[in-house]
Protein backbone atom coordinates (compact mmCIF):
# COMPACT_ATOMS: atom_id res chain seq x y z
CA UNK A 1 35.79 11.43 -8.52
CA UNK A 2 33.85 11.60 -11.69
CA UNK A 3 32.72 8.04 -11.14
CA UNK A 4 31.40 8.85 -7.74
CA UNK A 5 29.39 11.75 -9.17
CA UNK A 6 28.11 9.45 -12.08
CA UNK A 7 27.09 6.73 -9.55
CA UNK A 8 25.33 9.22 -7.21
CA UNK A 9 23.44 10.77 -10.17
CA UNK A 10 22.42 7.32 -11.45
CA UNK A 11 21.24 6.18 -8.07
CA UNK A 12 19.26 9.40 -7.53
CA UNK A 13 17.65 9.07 -10.96
CA UNK A 14 16.78 5.44 -10.37
CA UNK A 15 15.13 6.30 -6.98
CA UNK A 16 13.11 9.00 -8.61
CA UNK A 17 11.88 6.49 -11.39
CA UNK A 18 10.65 3.86 -8.84
CA UNK A 19 7.14 2.69 -9.48
CA UNK A 20 5.56 0.77 -6.61
CA UNK A 21 2.12 -0.96 -6.59
CA UNK A 22 0.19 -2.28 -3.67
CA UNK A 23 -1.63 -5.60 -4.62
CA UNK A 24 -4.22 -7.12 -2.43
CA UNK A 25 -4.90 -10.90 -2.85
CA UNK A 26 -8.00 -12.76 -2.05
CA UNK A 27 -9.00 -14.85 0.91
CA UNK A 28 -11.12 -14.58 3.92
CA UNK A 29 -8.63 -13.70 6.67
CA UNK A 30 -5.80 -12.56 4.48
CA UNK A 31 -7.80 -9.46 3.48
CA UNK A 32 -7.89 -8.27 7.10
CA UNK A 33 -4.28 -9.33 7.56
CA UNK A 34 -3.13 -7.31 4.51
CA UNK A 35 -5.08 -4.22 5.95
CA UNK A 36 -3.26 -4.70 9.21
CA UNK A 37 0.05 -4.80 7.38
CA UNK A 38 -0.80 -1.57 5.50
CA UNK A 39 -1.73 0.13 8.70
CA UNK A 40 1.54 -0.92 10.36
CA UNK A 41 3.51 0.26 7.44
CA UNK A 42 1.72 3.65 7.30
CA UNK A 43 2.54 4.12 11.01
CA UNK A 44 6.08 2.85 11.18
CA UNK A 45 7.45 3.36 7.62
CA UNK A 46 5.29 5.89 5.68
CA UNK A 47 7.72 5.93 2.76
CA UNK A 48 7.00 2.18 2.29
CA UNK A 49 3.37 3.11 1.43
CA UNK A 50 4.19 5.48 -1.48
CA UNK A 51 2.62 3.80 -4.40
CA UNK A 52 1.71 4.51 -8.02
CA UNK A 53 -0.89 1.77 -8.50
CA UNK A 54 -3.43 -0.35 -6.53
CA UNK A 55 -4.78 -3.60 -7.45
CA UNK A 56 -6.70 -6.59 -5.92
CA UNK A 57 -8.33 -9.84 -6.73
CA UNK A 58 -11.76 -10.94 -5.39
CA UNK A 59 -11.90 -9.78 -1.85
CA UNK A 60 -8.67 -7.89 -2.42
CA UNK A 61 -10.26 -5.84 -5.08
CA UNK A 62 -12.73 -4.64 -2.41
CA UNK A 63 -9.78 -3.64 -0.20
CA UNK A 64 -8.11 -1.99 -3.21
CA UNK A 65 -11.26 0.03 -3.97
CA UNK A 66 -11.50 1.27 -0.43
CA UNK A 67 -7.76 2.24 -0.39
CA UNK A 68 -8.23 3.99 -3.69
CA UNK A 69 -11.08 6.12 -2.17
CA UNK A 70 -8.61 7.70 0.22
CA UNK A 71 -6.00 10.35 -0.71
CA UNK A 72 -2.30 9.52 -0.68
CA UNK A 73 -1.02 9.97 2.89
CA UNK A 74 -4.26 8.72 4.44
CA UNK A 75 -3.27 4.97 4.37
CA UNK A 76 -3.76 4.44 8.08
CA UNK A 77 -7.25 5.70 7.95
CA UNK A 78 -7.94 3.59 4.83
CA UNK A 79 -6.56 0.59 6.56
CA UNK A 80 -8.90 1.14 9.57
CA UNK A 81 -11.81 1.39 7.14
CA UNK A 82 -10.70 -1.79 5.40
CA UNK A 83 -10.44 -3.68 8.62
CA UNK A 84 -13.95 -2.38 9.73
CA UNK A 85 -15.40 -3.32 6.43
CA UNK A 86 -14.18 -6.96 6.75
CA UNK A 87 -15.18 -7.22 10.46
CA UNK A 88 -18.66 -6.06 9.67
CA UNK A 89 -18.83 -8.49 6.67
CA UNK A 90 -17.83 -11.36 8.78
CA UNK A 91 -20.48 -10.53 11.40
CA UNK A 92 -23.30 -10.38 8.99
């Protein structure tokens, strides 16, 4: 019984110490694709979008900056804005 309590306590502690990051890569179409994935995760699995850090490279850095301008819990709205940004950029 003590082992079960120890394992449960350890698992609970490990879950509380989880650090997640969202990293956007570069690329023309991959930036919009990544925003679509973010939007789908925000809709279908909101716990999957709980993060402690955001990063990006090149075009992904722009997406990361847009996401960072939104409060936690607003990932779906941020994804919509990222998608709109890249659609507008491709039309100019």
